């Protein structure tokens, strides 16, 4: 955890500036942004079922197009 103490006769802007500088140097923000979008890995069964569903959907669309329906 980053801690910044106010110096004597220091204004708030310089205190915030020092805090932001320490946060950037520590790499906390970079790590948090990296972890923000990580997802859990999908298991093989779900992945296979999703592929089967996509394949069946594509075949159904091709069949409808062959019959003359707008796709």
N, C-alpha and C. Protein backbone atom coordinates (compact mmCIF):
# COMPACT_ATOMS: atom_id res chain seq x y z
N UNK A 1 0.85 -1.17 0.00
CA UNK A 1 0.00 0.00 0.00
C UNK A 1 0.89 1.24 0.00
N UNK A 2 0.51 2.20 -0.80
CA UNK A 2 1.31 3.41 -0.92
C UNK A 2 0.81 4.45 0.07
N UNK A 3 1.75 5.05 0.76
CA UNK A 3 1.40 6.05 1.76
C UNK A 3 2.22 7.30 1.50
N UNK A 4 1.54 8.45 1.47
CA UNK A 4 2.22 9.72 1.27
C UNK A 4 1.75 10.66 2.38
N UNK A 5 2.69 11.20 3.12
CA UNK A 5 2.35 12.11 4.21
C UNK A 5 2.55 13.55 3.76
N UNK A 6 1.66 14.39 4.24
CA UNK A 6 1.74 15.80 3.89
C UNK A 6 2.92 16.45 4.62
N UNK A 7 3.71 17.17 3.83
CA UNK A 7 4.84 17.89 4.41
C UNK A 7 4.36 19.22 4.97
N UNK A 8 5.20 19.80 5.78
CA UNK A 8 4.85 21.10 6.36
C UNK A 8 4.79 22.16 5.25
N UNK A 9 3.75 22.96 5.23
CA UNK A 9 3.52 24.02 4.25
C UNK A 9 3.39 23.48 2.82
N UNK A 10 2.89 22.27 2.66
CA UNK A 10 2.71 21.70 1.32
C UNK A 10 1.23 21.82 0.93
N UNK A 11 0.98 22.27 -0.29
CA UNK A 11 -0.42 22.37 -0.70
C UNK A 11 -0.92 21.03 -1.23
N UNK A 12 -2.23 20.94 -1.39
CA UNK A 12 -2.88 19.68 -1.76
C UNK A 12 -2.46 19.22 -3.16
N UNK A 13 -2.28 20.15 -4.09
CA UNK A 13 -1.92 19.78 -5.46
C UNK A 13 -0.59 19.05 -5.52
N UNK A 14 0.40 19.55 -4.79
CA UNK A 14 1.69 18.88 -4.81
C UNK A 14 1.63 17.53 -4.09
N UNK A 15 0.78 17.42 -3.08
CA UNK A 15 0.60 16.15 -2.38
C UNK A 15 -0.01 15.11 -3.32
N UNK A 16 -1.03 15.51 -4.05
CA UNK A 16 -1.68 14.61 -5.02
C UNK A 16 -0.70 14.24 -6.13
N UNK A 17 0.10 15.19 -6.58
CA UNK A 17 1.09 14.93 -7.61
C UNK A 17 2.09 13.88 -7.14
N UNK A 18 2.59 14.02 -5.90
CA UNK A 18 3.53 13.04 -5.38
C UNK A 18 2.89 11.66 -5.25
N UNK A 19 1.63 11.64 -4.81
CA UNK A 19 0.93 10.37 -4.67
C UNK A 19 0.77 9.69 -6.04
N UNK A 20 0.32 10.44 -7.02
CA UNK A 20 0.14 9.88 -8.37
C UNK A 20 1.46 9.37 -8.94
N UNK A 21 2.52 10.10 -8.70
CA UNK A 21 3.83 9.69 -9.19
C UNK A 21 4.27 8.37 -8.54
N UNK A 22 4.04 8.22 -7.25
CA UNK A 22 4.39 6.98 -6.56
C UNK A 22 3.55 5.80 -7.06
N UNK A 23 2.27 6.05 -7.29
CA UNK A 23 1.40 4.98 -7.79
C UNK A 23 1.87 4.52 -9.15
N UNK A 24 2.21 5.44 -10.03
CA UNK A 24 2.68 5.07 -11.37
C UNK A 24 4.01 4.34 -11.31
N UNK A 25 4.90 4.76 -10.45
CA UNK A 25 6.20 4.12 -10.34
C UNK A 25 6.10 2.71 -9.77
N UNK A 26 5.12 2.50 -8.90
CA UNK A 26 4.98 1.18 -8.27
C UNK A 26 4.38 0.16 -9.24
N UNK A 27 3.63 0.61 -10.25
CA UNK A 27 3.04 -0.30 -11.22
C UNK A 27 1.71 -0.88 -10.78
N UNK A 28 1.11 -0.34 -9.76
CA UNK A 28 -0.17 -0.85 -9.26
C UNK A 28 -1.26 -0.68 -10.31
N UNK A 29 -1.34 0.50 -10.92
CA UNK A 29 -2.38 0.75 -11.92
C UNK A 29 -2.23 -0.15 -13.13
N UNK A 30 -1.01 -0.34 -13.57
CA UNK A 30 -0.75 -1.19 -14.72
C UNK A 30 -1.22 -2.62 -14.45
N UNK A 31 -0.92 -3.10 -13.26
CA UNK A 31 -1.34 -4.46 -12.87
C UNK A 31 -2.86 -4.56 -12.77
N UNK A 32 -3.49 -3.55 -12.21
CA UNK A 32 -4.95 -3.56 -12.06
C UNK A 32 -5.63 -3.55 -13.43
N UNK A 33 -5.13 -2.75 -14.35
CA UNK A 33 -5.70 -2.70 -15.69
C UNK A 33 -5.52 -4.02 -16.42
N UNK A 34 -4.38 -4.68 -16.18
CA UNK A 34 -4.12 -5.96 -16.82
C UNK A 34 -5.09 -7.02 -16.30
N UNK A 35 -5.36 -7.00 -15.01
CA UNK A 35 -6.25 -8.00 -14.40
C UNK A 35 -7.72 -7.74 -14.65
N UNK A 36 -8.05 -6.54 -15.08
CA UNK A 36 -9.46 -6.15 -15.24
C UNK A 36 -10.18 -7.04 -16.25
N UNK A 37 -9.53 -7.40 -17.33
CA UNK A 37 -10.20 -8.11 -18.41
C UNK A 37 -9.82 -9.59 -18.51
N UNK A 38 -9.19 -10.14 -17.51
CA UNK A 38 -8.86 -11.55 -17.57
C UNK A 38 -10.11 -12.37 -17.32
N UNK A 39 -10.24 -13.47 -18.03
CA UNK A 39 -11.41 -14.33 -17.87
C UNK A 39 -10.95 -15.73 -17.51
N UNK A 40 -11.85 -16.48 -16.95
CA UNK A 40 -11.55 -17.84 -16.59
C UNK A 40 -11.57 -18.69 -17.86
N UNK A 41 -10.72 -19.70 -17.95
CA UNK A 41 -10.71 -20.54 -19.15
C UNK A 41 -11.99 -21.37 -19.26
N UNK A 42 -12.47 -21.53 -20.50
CA UNK A 42 -13.69 -22.29 -20.76
C UNK A 42 -13.31 -23.77 -20.82
N UNK A 43 -14.14 -24.62 -20.21
CA UNK A 43 -13.81 -26.04 -20.24
C UNK A 43 -14.09 -26.63 -21.62
N UNK A 44 -13.54 -27.80 -21.89
CA UNK A 44 -13.60 -28.40 -23.22
C UNK A 44 -15.03 -28.71 -23.64
N UNK A 45 -15.85 -29.15 -22.71
CA UNK A 45 -17.23 -29.52 -23.04
C UNK A 45 -18.01 -28.30 -23.53
N UNK A 46 -17.91 -27.19 -22.83
CA UNK A 46 -18.63 -25.97 -23.24
C UNK A 46 -18.13 -25.48 -24.59
N UNK A 47 -16.82 -25.55 -24.80
CA UNK A 47 -16.24 -25.10 -26.05
C UNK A 47 -16.74 -25.96 -27.22
N UNK A 48 -16.81 -27.28 -26.99
CA UNK A 48 -17.27 -28.20 -28.03
C UNK A 48 -18.75 -27.97 -28.33
N UNK A 49 -19.57 -27.80 -27.29
CA UNK A 49 -21.00 -27.55 -27.50
C UNK A 49 -21.24 -26.23 -28.24
N UNK A 50 -20.45 -25.23 -27.95
CA UNK A 50 -20.59 -23.95 -28.63
C UNK A 50 -20.23 -24.10 -30.12
N UNK A 51 -19.20 -24.89 -30.41
CA UNK A 51 -18.80 -25.11 -31.81
C UNK A 51 -19.90 -25.87 -32.56
N UNK A 52 -20.49 -26.87 -31.91
CA UNK A 52 -21.58 -27.63 -32.54
C UNK A 52 -22.76 -26.71 -32.82
N UNK A 53 -23.10 -25.86 -31.87
CA UNK A 53 -24.22 -24.93 -32.05
C UNK A 53 -23.96 -23.98 -33.21
N UNK A 54 -22.75 -23.43 -33.30
CA UNK A 54 -22.42 -22.52 -34.41
C UNK A 54 -22.51 -23.24 -35.75
N UNK A 55 -22.04 -24.48 -35.80
CA UNK A 55 -22.07 -25.25 -37.03
C UNK A 55 -23.51 -25.52 -37.46
N UNK A 56 -24.37 -25.92 -36.52
CA UNK A 56 -25.77 -26.19 -36.83
C UNK A 56 -26.49 -24.91 -37.28
N UNK A 57 -26.18 -23.82 -36.65
CA UNK A 57 -26.80 -22.53 -37.01
C UNK A 57 -26.39 -22.13 -38.43
N UNK A 58 -25.12 -22.32 -38.78
CA UNK A 58 -24.65 -21.98 -40.12
C UNK A 58 -25.31 -22.86 -41.16
N UNK A 59 -25.49 -24.15 -40.87
CA UNK A 59 -26.15 -25.05 -41.80
C UNK A 59 -27.60 -24.65 -42.00
N UNK A 60 -28.28 -24.27 -40.92
CA UNK A 60 -29.68 -23.85 -41.03
C UNK A 60 -29.79 -22.59 -41.88
N UNK A 61 -28.86 -21.65 -41.72
CA UNK A 61 -28.90 -20.43 -42.52
C UNK A 61 -28.66 -20.74 -44.00
N UNK A 62 -27.74 -21.65 -44.29
CA UNK A 62 -27.48 -22.03 -45.68
C UNK A 62 -28.70 -22.70 -46.30
N UNK A 63 -29.38 -23.53 -45.53
CA UNK A 63 -30.57 -24.22 -46.02
C UNK A 63 -31.68 -23.22 -46.32
N UNK A 64 -31.86 -22.23 -45.44
CA UNK A 64 -32.88 -21.20 -45.65
C UNK A 64 -32.55 -20.37 -46.89
N UNK A 65 -31.27 -20.07 -47.09
CA UNK A 65 -30.86 -19.30 -48.26
C UNK A 65 -31.12 -20.10 -49.55
N UNK A 66 -30.90 -21.41 -49.49
CA UNK A 66 -31.14 -22.26 -50.64
C UNK A 66 -32.62 -22.30 -51.00
N UNK A 67 -33.47 -22.25 -49.98
CA UNK A 67 -34.92 -22.28 -50.19
C UNK A 67 -35.46 -20.94 -50.66
N UNK A 68 -34.62 -19.90 -50.63
CA UNK A 68 -35.03 -18.61 -51.17
C UNK A 68 -35.40 -17.58 -50.12
N UNK A 69 -35.23 -17.89 -48.86
CA UNK A 69 -35.52 -16.92 -47.82
C UNK A 69 -34.37 -15.93 -47.68
N UNK A 70 -34.70 -14.70 -47.27
CA UNK A 70 -33.66 -13.71 -47.07
C UNK A 70 -32.93 -14.01 -45.77
N UNK A 71 -31.63 -14.02 -45.83
CA UNK A 71 -30.83 -14.34 -44.65
C UNK A 71 -30.10 -13.11 -44.20
